[in-house]
Protein backbone atom coordinates (compact mmCIF):
# COMPACT_ATOMS: atom_id res chain seq x y z
CA MET A 1 -1.56 -4.87 -19.13
CA GLN A 2 1.62 -6.24 -20.67
CA PRO A 3 3.62 -8.94 -18.82
CA ALA A 4 7.32 -8.36 -18.42
CA LYS A 5 8.95 -11.73 -18.90
CA ASP A 6 12.47 -10.43 -18.51
CA TYR A 7 11.69 -7.94 -15.76
CA ASN A 8 14.45 -7.75 -13.19
CA PHE A 9 12.47 -7.92 -9.94
CA SER A 10 13.28 -5.47 -7.20
CA ILE A 11 11.48 -3.97 -4.25
CA ILE A 12 12.96 -0.95 -2.59
CA TYR A 13 13.19 -0.62 1.17
CA THR A 14 14.77 2.17 3.12
CA ILE A 15 16.18 2.28 6.64
CA MET A 16 13.59 1.13 9.15
CA ASN A 17 10.94 3.85 9.41
CA THR A 18 10.44 3.75 13.17
CA ASP A 19 8.25 6.87 13.30
CA PHE A 20 5.82 5.28 10.85
CA ILE A 21 5.83 1.95 12.68
CA GLU A 22 4.99 3.56 16.01
CA PHE A 23 2.33 5.71 14.34
CA LEU A 24 0.67 2.58 12.91
CA ALA A 25 0.67 0.89 16.30
CA LYS A 26 -0.56 3.87 18.33
CA SER A 27 -3.33 4.67 15.84
CA GLY A 28 -4.54 1.07 15.65
CA ALA A 29 -3.80 0.79 11.93
CA VAL A 30 -1.87 -2.36 12.80
CA LYS A 31 -3.39 -4.68 15.39
CA PHE A 32 -1.92 -7.72 17.08
CA GLY A 33 -3.78 -10.88 18.12
CA GLU A 34 -5.54 -13.57 16.08
CA PHE A 35 -7.27 -12.62 12.84
CA THR A 36 -8.84 -14.56 9.97
CA LEU A 37 -7.83 -13.01 6.66
CA LYS A 38 -9.80 -12.92 3.41
CA SER A 39 -7.47 -15.65 2.17
CA GLY A 40 -8.49 -17.86 5.11
CA ARG A 41 -5.07 -17.61 6.73
CA GLN A 42 -4.95 -17.17 10.50
CA SER A 43 -2.72 -14.17 11.11
CA PRO A 44 -1.22 -12.75 14.34
CA PHE A 45 -1.59 -9.24 12.94
CA PHE A 46 -4.04 -7.22 10.90
CA ILE A 47 -3.37 -4.02 8.97
CA SER A 48 -6.01 -1.53 7.92
CA THR A 49 -5.51 2.17 7.31
CA GLY A 50 -9.29 2.57 7.22
CA VAL A 51 -9.24 3.37 10.94
CA LEU A 52 -7.30 6.58 10.22
CA CYS A 53 -10.36 8.71 9.72
CA ASP A 54 -9.60 12.16 11.07
CA GLY A 55 -7.60 15.06 9.74
CA ALA A 56 -4.46 14.52 11.80
CA THR A 57 -4.02 10.78 11.22
CA SER A 58 -5.06 10.98 7.56
CA TYR A 59 -2.46 13.65 6.89
CA GLU A 60 0.23 11.77 8.83
CA LEU A 61 -0.44 8.66 6.75
CA GLY A 62 -0.40 10.68 3.55
CA ARG A 63 2.88 12.31 4.58
CA HIS A 64 4.67 8.98 4.89
CA PHE A 65 3.34 7.84 1.51
CA ALA A 66 4.33 11.17 -0.03
CA ARG A 67 7.86 10.78 1.30
CA LYS A 68 8.17 7.35 -0.31
CA ILE A 69 6.74 8.57 -3.62
CA ASN A 70 9.09 11.54 -3.64
CA GLU A 71 12.02 9.27 -2.80
CA VAL A 72 11.27 6.88 -5.66
CA TYR A 73 9.67 9.04 -8.37
CA GLY A 74 10.19 12.68 -7.46
CA ASN A 75 8.05 14.81 -9.78
CA ASN A 76 8.10 12.20 -12.55
CA ILE A 77 4.48 11.07 -12.22
CA ASP A 78 1.20 12.43 -13.55
CA ALA A 79 -1.35 11.22 -10.98
CA VAL A 80 -1.95 9.07 -7.91
CA TYR A 81 -4.69 6.46 -7.82
CA GLY A 82 -6.49 4.84 -4.88
CA PRO A 83 -8.73 1.78 -5.30
CA ALA A 84 -12.21 2.06 -3.80
CA TYR A 85 -13.09 2.12 -1.02
CA LYS A 86 -10.26 2.48 1.50
CA GLY A 87 -7.98 3.89 -1.16
CA ILE A 88 -10.23 6.92 -1.67
CA PRO A 89 -9.34 8.92 1.46
CA LEU A 90 -5.78 7.62 1.22
CA VAL A 91 -5.18 8.93 -2.30
CA VAL A 92 -6.62 12.34 -1.37
CA ALA A 93 -4.37 12.52 1.70
CA VAL A 94 -1.33 11.52 -0.37
CA SER A 95 -2.07 14.12 -3.03
CA ILE A 96 -2.36 16.85 -0.40
CA ALA A 97 0.82 15.73 1.38
CA LEU A 98 2.81 15.64 -1.87
CA GLN A 99 1.92 19.29 -2.42
CA LYS A 100 2.40 20.45 1.17
CA GLU A 101 5.61 18.53 1.91
CA PHE A 102 7.38 18.47 -1.47
CA SER A 103 5.60 21.03 -3.70
CA ILE A 104 4.62 18.18 -6.03
CA ASN A 105 1.09 19.05 -7.17
CA LYS A 106 -0.47 15.96 -8.74
CA PRO A 107 -4.13 15.08 -9.24
CA TRP A 108 -5.83 12.09 -7.65
CA ILE A 109 -8.19 9.53 -9.14
CA PHE A 110 -10.17 6.57 -7.83
CA ASP A 111 -12.52 4.01 -9.31
CA ARG A 112 -16.20 3.30 -8.83
CA LYS A 113 -17.10 -0.22 -7.72
CA GLU A 114 -20.69 0.14 -8.89
CA LYS A 115 -21.45 1.37 -12.39
CA LYS A 116 -23.30 4.70 -12.41
CA THR A 117 -26.27 4.95 -14.81
CA TYR A 118 -26.86 8.73 -14.74
CA GLY A 119 -24.86 11.96 -14.94
CA ASP A 120 -21.15 11.24 -15.08
CA ILE A 121 -21.10 7.50 -15.85
CA SER A 122 -17.32 7.22 -15.97
CA ALA A 123 -15.78 4.24 -14.16
CA PHE A 124 -13.42 6.69 -12.44
CA VAL A 125 -13.71 9.83 -10.33
CA GLY A 126 -11.11 12.58 -10.37
CA ALA A 127 -8.71 13.90 -12.96
CA ALA A 128 -9.11 13.22 -16.67
CA LEU A 129 -5.77 11.68 -17.63
CA ASP A 130 -3.97 11.71 -20.95
CA ILE A 131 -3.13 8.45 -22.69
CA ASN A 132 0.09 6.98 -21.23
CA ALA A 133 -0.13 9.21 -18.15
CA ARG A 134 2.21 7.90 -15.44
CA VAL A 135 0.16 6.72 -12.47
CA VAL A 136 1.23 5.54 -9.01
CA VAL A 137 -1.25 3.34 -7.13
CA VAL A 138 -1.43 3.71 -3.34
CA ASP A 139 -2.91 1.12 -0.96
CA ASP A 140 -2.47 -0.12 2.60
CA VAL A 141 -1.09 -3.66 2.19
CA PHE A 142 -0.08 -6.28 -0.34
CA THR A 143 -1.12 -9.85 0.42
CA THR A 144 -1.87 -11.95 -2.67
CA GLY A 145 -1.80 -9.16 -5.25
CA GLU A 146 -5.20 -10.00 -6.72
CA THR A 147 -6.76 -6.58 -6.08
CA LYS A 148 -3.62 -4.83 -7.35
CA MET A 149 -3.78 -6.86 -10.55
CA GLU A 150 -7.38 -5.74 -11.03
CA ALA A 151 -6.41 -2.10 -10.44
CA VAL A 152 -3.55 -2.17 -12.94
CA ASP A 153 -5.75 -3.83 -15.55
CA LYS A 154 -8.58 -1.34 -15.03
CA ILE A 155 -6.31 1.71 -15.27
CA GLU A 156 -4.40 0.53 -18.34
CA ARG A 157 -7.40 -0.95 -20.17
CA ILE A 158 -9.99 1.78 -19.59
CA ILE A 159 -7.98 4.99 -19.13
CA LYS A 160 -5.04 3.85 -21.28
CA ALA A 161 -2.70 5.25 -18.62
CA LYS A 162 0.49 3.55 -17.45
CA VAL A 163 0.90 2.25 -13.91
CA VAL A 164 4.55 2.94 -13.11
CA GLY A 165 4.47 1.65 -9.55
CA ILE A 166 2.52 0.74 -6.45
CA VAL A 167 3.25 2.17 -3.02
CA ILE A 168 1.91 0.34 0.02
CA ALA A 169 2.05 1.09 3.73
CA VAL A 170 3.23 -2.35 4.85
CA ASP A 171 4.62 -5.29 2.93
CA ARG A 172 3.27 -8.43 4.64
CA GLN A 173 6.19 -10.33 3.03
CA GLU A 174 4.11 -13.37 2.20
CA LYS A 175 4.43 -16.24 -0.23
CA GLY A 176 2.65 -16.40 -3.52
CA VAL A 177 2.31 -19.64 -5.47
CA ARG A 178 6.03 -20.29 -5.98
CA LEU A 179 7.80 -17.04 -5.10
CA GLY A 180 6.99 -14.09 -2.87
CA ALA A 181 3.59 -12.58 -3.68
CA ILE A 182 5.11 -9.23 -4.67
CA GLU A 183 7.80 -10.84 -6.78
CA GLU A 184 5.22 -12.89 -8.64
CA PHE A 185 3.08 -9.81 -9.19
CA THR A 186 6.01 -7.74 -10.48
CA ASN A 187 7.26 -10.50 -12.76
CA LYS A 188 3.78 -10.83 -14.25
CA THR A 189 2.91 -7.15 -14.66
CA GLY A 190 6.23 -5.33 -14.84
CA VAL A 191 4.98 -3.00 -12.09
CA PRO A 192 7.37 -2.50 -9.13
CA VAL A 193 6.02 -2.36 -5.58
CA HIS A 194 7.50 -0.08 -2.93
CA SER A 195 6.60 -0.24 0.76
CA VAL A 196 6.90 2.40 3.44
CA THR A 197 7.79 -0.40 5.86
CA THR A 198 7.71 -4.20 6.17
CA ILE A 199 5.93 -6.40 8.67
CA LYS A 200 9.25 -7.82 9.86
CA ASP A 201 10.46 -4.30 10.66
CA VAL A 202 7.19 -3.64 12.49
CA PHE A 203 7.58 -6.69 14.73
CA ASP A 204 11.32 -6.27 15.21
CA HIS A 205 10.97 -2.65 16.27
CA LEU A 206 7.98 -3.15 18.56
CA LYS A 207 9.09 -6.37 20.26
CA ASN A 208 9.06 -5.67 24.02
CA ARG A 209 9.33 -1.94 23.30
CA THR A 210 7.25 0.45 25.35
CA VAL A 211 5.62 3.07 23.16
CA GLU A 212 3.85 5.77 25.17
CA GLY A 213 3.34 3.40 28.08
CA LYS A 214 2.23 0.36 26.08
CA VAL A 215 3.95 -2.77 24.78
CA TYR A 216 2.31 -3.84 21.53
CA VAL A 217 4.44 -6.91 20.75
CA SER A 218 5.20 -9.27 23.63
CA ASN A 219 7.45 -12.33 23.39
CA LYS A 220 4.36 -14.48 22.88
CA THR A 221 3.06 -12.28 20.07
CA TYR A 222 6.47 -12.26 18.45
CA GLU A 223 6.64 -16.07 18.61
CA MET A 224 3.23 -16.26 16.92
CA PHE A 225 4.61 -14.00 14.19
CA ILE A 226 7.68 -16.22 13.71
CA ASP A 227 5.45 -19.29 13.41
CA TYR A 228 3.28 -17.49 10.87
CA ARG A 229 6.31 -16.46 8.82
CA LYS A 230 7.60 -20.04 8.79
CA LYS A 231 4.34 -21.07 7.18
CA TYR A 232 3.54 -18.14 4.92
CA GLY A 233 6.50 -15.74 4.91
CA ILE A 234 9.25 -15.20 2.39
């Protein structure tokens, strides 16, 4: 993994994706309340696409990712990669949606967390990629970037492929050490990160809005979010 000292940081957002935001809320992929994160931070929201575990919701999630990948890369990729474990069903859904929605037929690949000692002992499952194959990583969120760093290193070191970008469902828009977590990651790795939506857009769209008879973000919840962003947001 080669650092890009002179990389001109950029993260691409599109117009607020309200359909995706409401889908996340209705499906429970984004929850509101009080949650303790892996980092120890107390967050007023929690995002996990792991709850999308049937055919309809998996495909809908994959469709939104496929739209973003098509928007940014078109057909100019060789494979999509999902980190184990939650990234496994996601990358399969994205691969299917790319074909069905945009006629972009690309193979998927994911890693093994535990080393296999029999049969196929490869560290990866899925397509056999050529050296310098262009790979897009898909995942649900970006918080500190630690797991993304591990994924990029694993792909480029073991497969000798090239990670050309990461696509996430929601950018939490949080601080790193000195800059935003995504900016720090991109400056260090040279890998751009693209999000389908941002957490600010999620809260702004859902604040006091009734979605199929339910309000997901009240004034109180929104105030908790503002306080959280003052402490950890960019």
